[in-house]
Amino acid sequence: MKKLVWVFCLVTIGMSAQQTETDSVKHWTRKGVFTLLANQSSFNNWLAGGQNNFAGNTNINYDFNYKNGDWNWDNKLIVAYGLTKIKGEDTKKTDDRIEFSSLLGKKASGYWFYSAFLNFKTQMDSGFDPDDQTLKISHFFSPAYFQFGPGMLWKKSDNLKVNIAPATSKLVIVHDHFTEFGSSFGVEQGKTIRYELGAALNAYYKFTIMENVTVENILNLYSNYLEDAQNVDIDYQLNIVMKINKYLSTNFAFQTIYDDNAFRGFQTRQVIGVGVNASF
């Protein structure tokens, strides 16, 4: 598992180095946004009742894309972390994500490209059972998800594209202490890696609905040929940014995940608040 971490780090460093070398000929475009969302409630002798609480979320959304002739290489990094504190209770995690997506395309015809993609997801901090906060159920790189494979990309612009990959490999990695007494995230008891082969569809659509209001949609679908192909894994993210000025915005984020190997039902996450934004 440590070797995979090093491989991922080396690939990222290599892409950054290539990016620096080619900036001089304007093949690279880069855009990043750091967002801090915070909300707080305080009550004192408030007869209607209420609990003092504070919540904060940070998010980094960074795109670095390459274009040269018939070649396109789109990369996106998302890092997010959030905490909430209710008076009298322990601090709890509300968000924890590291996601890196890389999509390479060679023009075929019109809006179509031959493609190859890589997607990596994991978390930074430990996760605990909601019914027993002493029971750790996840931590950094447990689980870690890798998807990669060849396919065809339909790309109208950087803001509208769909990639279809009918021969996609998927790896699910967990530490062995999570599978010591049973399966975890689909990884069988006593093992640390689960391999799947299936079809993936990844779609991205970002648009402006009115002045200073942008909507970003990210959809990932995956069907495992080797087991229960009809149970399609779903990961959908919706991000709406309502810009107030250069530094302030109201942000709404929604995510839903369906993966019956991890949980037999939909997982949902929703965050809304006033954000402080910094572009880089």
Protein backbone atom coordinates (compact mmCIF):
# COMPACT_ATOMS: atom_id res chain seq x y z
CA MET A 1 0.00 0.00 0.00
CA LYS A 2 2.87 2.40 0.77
CA LYS A 3 4.26 1.72 -2.71
CA LEU A 4 0.97 2.85 -4.25
CA VAL A 5 1.10 6.07 -2.23
CA TRP A 6 4.61 6.74 -3.51
CA VAL A 7 3.56 6.01 -7.09
CA PHE A 8 0.68 8.47 -6.81
CA CYS A 9 2.99 11.15 -5.34
CA LEU A 10 5.58 10.63 -8.10
CA VAL A 11 2.92 10.87 -10.82
CA THR A 12 1.61 14.12 -9.31
CA ILE A 13 5.14 15.57 -9.04
CA GLY A 14 5.87 14.53 -12.62
CA MET A 15 2.74 16.24 -13.92
CA SER A 16 3.60 19.40 -11.98
CA ALA A 17 7.12 19.40 -13.45
CA GLN A 18 5.81 18.97 -16.98
CA GLN A 19 3.32 21.74 -16.34
CA THR A 20 6.10 24.14 -15.35
CA GLU A 21 8.15 23.28 -18.42
CA THR A 22 5.31 23.87 -20.88
CA ASP A 23 3.76 26.99 -19.35
CA SER A 24 6.07 29.08 -21.53
CA VAL A 25 4.25 27.96 -24.68
CA LYS A 26 0.79 28.42 -23.14
CA HIS A 27 -0.34 24.81 -23.44
CA TRP A 28 -1.45 24.73 -19.80
CA THR A 29 -4.42 26.49 -18.22
CA ARG A 30 -4.72 26.48 -14.45
CA LYS A 31 -7.45 27.62 -12.09
CA GLY A 32 -7.86 26.99 -8.39
CA VAL A 33 -10.28 28.18 -5.72
CA PHE A 34 -9.91 27.89 -1.95
CA THR A 35 -13.19 28.23 -0.03
CA LEU A 36 -13.83 28.54 3.70
CA LEU A 37 -17.43 28.08 4.85
CA ALA A 38 -18.44 28.78 8.43
CA ASN A 39 -21.64 29.04 10.42
CA GLN A 40 -22.29 29.49 14.13
CA SER A 41 -25.32 29.60 16.44
CA SER A 42 -25.32 30.88 20.03
CA PHE A 43 -28.16 30.90 22.57
CA ASN A 44 -28.41 32.51 25.99
CA ASN A 45 -31.61 32.26 28.05
CA TRP A 46 -33.43 31.52 24.81
CA LEU A 47 -36.80 30.13 25.93
CA ALA A 48 -37.53 28.48 22.58
CA GLY A 49 -34.46 26.30 23.13
CA GLY A 50 -31.33 25.63 21.10
CA GLN A 51 -27.75 24.43 21.43
CA ASN A 52 -24.63 26.47 20.82
CA ASN A 53 -22.80 25.10 17.80
CA PHE A 54 -20.10 25.92 15.28
CA ALA A 55 -19.31 24.34 11.93
CA GLY A 56 -16.55 25.00 9.42
CA ASN A 57 -15.68 23.56 6.02
CA THR A 58 -12.66 24.11 3.78
CA ASN A 59 -12.45 23.15 0.13
CA ILE A 60 -9.78 23.32 -2.56
CA ASN A 61 -10.89 22.84 -6.17
CA TYR A 62 -7.96 22.95 -8.59
CA ASP A 63 -7.99 22.36 -12.37
CA PHE A 64 -4.88 22.11 -14.53
CA ASN A 65 -5.56 21.27 -18.18
CA TYR A 66 -3.24 20.78 -21.16
CA LYS A 67 -3.99 21.30 -24.85
CA ASN A 68 -1.62 20.82 -27.75
CA GLY A 69 -2.87 20.02 -31.24
CA ASP A 70 -5.05 16.90 -31.10
CA TRP A 71 -4.12 16.17 -27.49
CA ASN A 72 -6.14 17.15 -24.39
CA TRP A 73 -5.21 16.33 -20.81
CA ASP A 74 -7.65 17.44 -18.11
CA ASN A 75 -6.82 17.16 -14.41
CA LYS A 76 -8.89 18.05 -11.35
CA LEU A 77 -7.95 17.89 -7.66
CA ILE A 78 -10.55 18.29 -4.90
CA VAL A 79 -9.56 18.40 -1.23
CA ALA A 80 -12.25 19.06 1.38
CA TYR A 81 -12.50 18.87 5.15
CA GLY A 82 -15.17 19.95 7.63
CA LEU A 83 -15.87 19.84 11.36
CA THR A 84 -18.84 20.62 13.59
CA LYS A 85 -18.92 21.24 17.33
CA ILE A 86 -22.12 21.15 19.39
CA LYS A 87 -21.90 22.26 22.99
CA GLY A 88 -21.57 19.27 25.30
CA GLU A 89 -20.61 16.86 22.51
CA ASP A 90 -17.36 15.79 20.86
CA THR A 91 -16.21 17.47 17.67
CA LYS A 92 -17.36 15.50 14.63
CA LYS A 93 -16.33 15.33 11.00
CA THR A 94 -18.76 16.66 8.38
CA ASP A 95 -16.60 16.31 5.26
CA ASP A 96 -13.34 14.56 4.40
CA ARG A 97 -12.30 13.98 0.80
CA ILE A 98 -9.28 13.76 -1.45
CA GLU A 99 -10.16 13.18 -5.09
CA PHE A 100 -7.92 13.34 -8.14
CA SER A 101 -9.18 12.83 -11.70
CA SER A 102 -7.05 12.71 -14.84
CA LEU A 103 -8.42 12.36 -18.37
CA LEU A 104 -6.19 12.09 -21.46
CA GLY A 105 -7.68 12.44 -24.93
CA LYS A 106 -6.43 12.13 -28.54
CA LYS A 107 -8.79 13.67 -31.09
CA ALA A 108 -10.66 11.17 -33.25
CA SER A 109 -13.35 13.14 -35.09
CA GLY A 110 -15.54 16.13 -34.28
CA TYR A 111 -16.08 16.27 -30.54
CA TRP A 112 -14.88 12.68 -30.05
CA PHE A 113 -11.50 11.64 -28.58
CA TYR A 114 -9.78 8.34 -27.86
CA SER A 115 -9.25 8.48 -24.11
CA ALA A 116 -7.69 7.03 -20.99
CA PHE A 117 -8.64 8.04 -17.48
CA LEU A 118 -7.58 7.68 -13.86
CA ASN A 119 -9.64 8.49 -10.77
CA PHE A 120 -8.41 8.26 -7.19
CA LYS A 121 -10.43 8.84 -3.99
CA THR A 122 -9.63 8.57 -0.31
CA GLN A 123 -9.91 10.51 2.95
CA MET A 124 -7.51 12.27 5.33
CA ASP A 125 -8.87 11.64 8.81
CA SER A 126 -10.31 8.75 10.78
CA GLY A 127 -14.00 7.95 10.58
CA PHE A 128 -16.04 6.52 13.46
CA ASP A 129 -19.25 4.54 13.74
CA PRO A 130 -22.12 7.05 14.24
CA ASP A 131 -23.59 4.78 16.95
CA ASP A 132 -20.24 4.22 18.72
CA GLN A 133 -17.73 7.07 18.46
CA THR A 134 -14.99 4.84 19.90
CA LEU A 135 -15.20 2.38 16.99
CA LYS A 136 -12.96 3.43 14.07
CA ILE A 137 -14.33 2.31 10.70
CA SER A 138 -12.00 4.16 8.29
CA HIS A 139 -8.88 6.32 8.08
CA PHE A 140 -6.39 7.69 5.54
CA PHE A 141 -6.11 5.36 2.53
CA SER A 142 -8.68 3.01 4.06
CA PRO A 143 -10.65 2.89 1.93
CA ALA A 144 -8.85 4.12 -1.17
CA TYR A 145 -10.46 3.78 -4.58
CA PHE A 146 -8.69 3.64 -7.96
CA GLN A 147 -10.41 3.51 -11.35
CA PHE A 148 -8.56 3.49 -14.67
CA GLY A 149 -9.15 2.37 -18.22
CA PRO A 150 -9.37 3.24 -21.94
CA GLY A 151 -12.48 4.64 -23.57
CA MET A 152 -14.04 7.32 -25.75
CA LEU A 153 -14.46 10.94 -24.72
CA TRP A 154 -17.10 13.34 -26.05
CA LYS A 155 -15.88 16.83 -25.23
CA LYS A 156 -17.55 20.02 -26.41
CA SER A 157 -15.60 22.24 -24.01
CA ASP A 158 -13.78 22.16 -20.68
CA ASN A 159 -17.20 22.67 -19.07
CA LEU A 160 -19.11 19.95 -20.93
CA LYS A 161 -17.72 16.44 -21.44
CA VAL A 162 -18.67 12.77 -21.09
CA ASN A 163 -16.20 9.86 -20.96
CA ILE A 164 -17.32 6.28 -21.63
CA ALA A 165 -14.90 3.52 -20.58
CA PRO A 166 -16.28 -0.02 -21.16
CA ALA A 167 -13.16 -1.82 -19.81
CA THR A 168 -12.46 -0.08 -16.52
CA SER A 169 -10.44 -1.63 -13.70
CA LYS A 170 -11.34 -0.68 -10.14
CA LEU A 171 -9.30 -1.28 -6.98
CA VAL A 172 -10.61 -0.91 -3.45
CA ILE A 173 -7.86 -0.86 -0.80
CA VAL A 174 -8.25 -1.07 2.98
CA HIS A 175 -5.90 -1.77 5.87
CA ASP A 176 -5.93 -5.36 7.09
CA HIS A 177 -7.20 -4.44 10.56
CA PHE A 178 -10.57 -3.52 8.99
CA THR A 179 -10.94 -6.99 7.45
CA GLU A 180 -9.62 -9.02 10.38
CA PHE A 181 -13.10 -10.13 11.52
CA GLY A 182 -15.16 -9.62 8.36
CA SER A 183 -15.44 -7.83 5.04
CA SER A 184 -15.04 -4.06 4.77
CA PHE A 185 -16.05 -1.83 1.84
CA GLY A 186 -16.42 -4.97 -0.28
CA VAL A 187 -12.92 -6.25 0.52
CA GLU A 188 -13.18 -9.84 1.78
CA GLN A 189 -12.14 -10.93 5.26
CA GLY A 190 -8.37 -11.28 5.61
CA LYS A 191 -7.63 -9.38 2.39
CA THR A 192 -6.61 -5.78 1.69
CA ILE A 193 -7.52 -5.34 -2.01
CA ARG A 194 -10.66 -5.93 -4.05
CA TYR A 195 -10.41 -5.94 -7.86
CA GLU A 196 -13.32 -5.24 -10.16
CA LEU A 197 -13.67 -5.01 -13.95
CA GLY A 198 -16.56 -3.11 -15.44
CA ALA A 199 -17.87 -0.10 -17.33
CA ALA A 200 -17.56 3.51 -16.20
CA LEU A 201 -19.28 6.68 -17.32
CA ASN A 202 -17.94 10.04 -16.12
CA ALA A 203 -19.72 13.28 -16.96
CA TYR A 204 -18.94 16.93 -16.16
CA TYR A 205 -21.17 19.93 -16.81
CA LYS A 206 -20.63 23.46 -15.52
CA PHE A 207 -22.78 26.39 -16.55
CA THR A 208 -23.97 29.84 -15.50
CA ILE A 209 -27.71 30.18 -14.84
CA MET A 210 -27.58 33.93 -14.22
CA GLU A 211 -25.00 36.60 -13.49
CA ASN A 212 -22.64 35.49 -10.69
CA VAL A 213 -24.41 32.13 -10.22
CA THR A 214 -22.60 29.00 -11.46
CA VAL A 215 -23.66 25.36 -11.24
CA GLU A 216 -21.18 22.46 -11.40
CA ASN A 217 -22.29 18.85 -11.90
CA ILE A 218 -19.96 15.85 -11.55
CA LEU A 219 -21.39 12.37 -12.21
CA ASN A 220 -19.57 9.01 -11.96
CA LEU A 221 -21.28 5.70 -12.73
CA TYR A 222 -19.71 2.25 -12.51
CA SER A 223 -21.01 -1.28 -13.16
CA ASN A 224 -18.95 -4.31 -12.11
CA TYR A 225 -19.11 -7.08 -14.73
CA LEU A 226 -17.79 -9.65 -12.26
CA GLU A 227 -20.52 -9.33 -9.63
CA ASP A 228 -24.06 -7.89 -9.61
CA ALA A 229 -23.62 -5.81 -12.75
CA GLN A 230 -27.15 -4.44 -12.32
CA ASN A 231 -26.12 -2.69 -9.08
CA VAL A 232 -24.60 0.46 -10.56
CA ASP A 233 -22.36 2.52 -8.27
CA ILE A 234 -23.35 6.20 -8.31
CA ASP A 235 -21.39 9.25 -7.20
CA TYR A 236 -23.03 12.59 -7.99
CA GLN A 237 -21.83 16.01 -6.84
CA LEU A 238 -23.65 19.33 -7.23
CA ASN A 239 -21.88 22.60 -6.41
CA ILE A 240 -23.67 25.94 -6.69
CA VAL A 241 -21.76 29.17 -6.14
CA MET A 242 -23.65 32.47 -5.81
CA LYS A 243 -20.97 35.13 -5.97
CA ILE A 244 -21.45 38.22 -3.79
CA ASN A 245 -18.17 39.94 -4.63
CA LYS A 246 -14.57 39.00 -5.41
CA TYR A 247 -14.04 37.31 -2.04
CA LEU A 248 -17.49 36.38 -0.69
CA SER A 249 -20.09 33.93 -1.98
CA THR A 250 -22.95 31.75 -0.84
CA ASN A 251 -22.09 28.13 -1.52
CA PHE A 252 -24.33 25.07 -1.71
CA ALA A 253 -22.85 21.58 -2.03
CA PHE A 254 -24.74 18.31 -2.37
CA GLN A 255 -23.35 14.81 -2.87
CA THR A 256 -25.02 11.43 -3.02
CA ILE A 257 -23.27 8.06 -3.26
CA TYR A 258 -24.65 4.60 -3.85
CA ASP A 259 -22.21 1.71 -3.42
CA ASP A 260 -23.79 -1.47 -2.10
CA ASN A 261 -20.38 -2.88 -1.16
CA ALA A 262 -19.94 -0.09 1.39
CA PHE A 263 -23.58 0.58 2.41
CA ARG A 264 -26.86 -0.77 1.06
CA GLY A 265 -28.55 2.57 0.52
CA PHE A 266 -27.84 6.14 -0.53
CA GLN A 267 -25.26 8.16 1.34
CA THR A 268 -25.96 11.90 1.18
CA ARG A 269 -24.07 15.04 2.19
CA GLN A 270 -25.28 18.64 2.06
CA VAL A 271 -23.46 21.84 3.02
CA ILE A 272 -24.64 25.45 2.68
CA GLY A 273 -23.10 28.63 4.00
CA VAL A 274 -21.40 31.93 3.29
CA GLY A 275 -17.90 31.38 2.00
CA VAL A 276 -14.65 33.29 1.80
CA ASN A 277 -13.00 32.56 -1.56
CA ALA A 278 -9.43 32.96 -2.73
CA SER A 279 -8.41 32.19 -6.32
CA PHE A 280 -4.95 30.94 -7.24
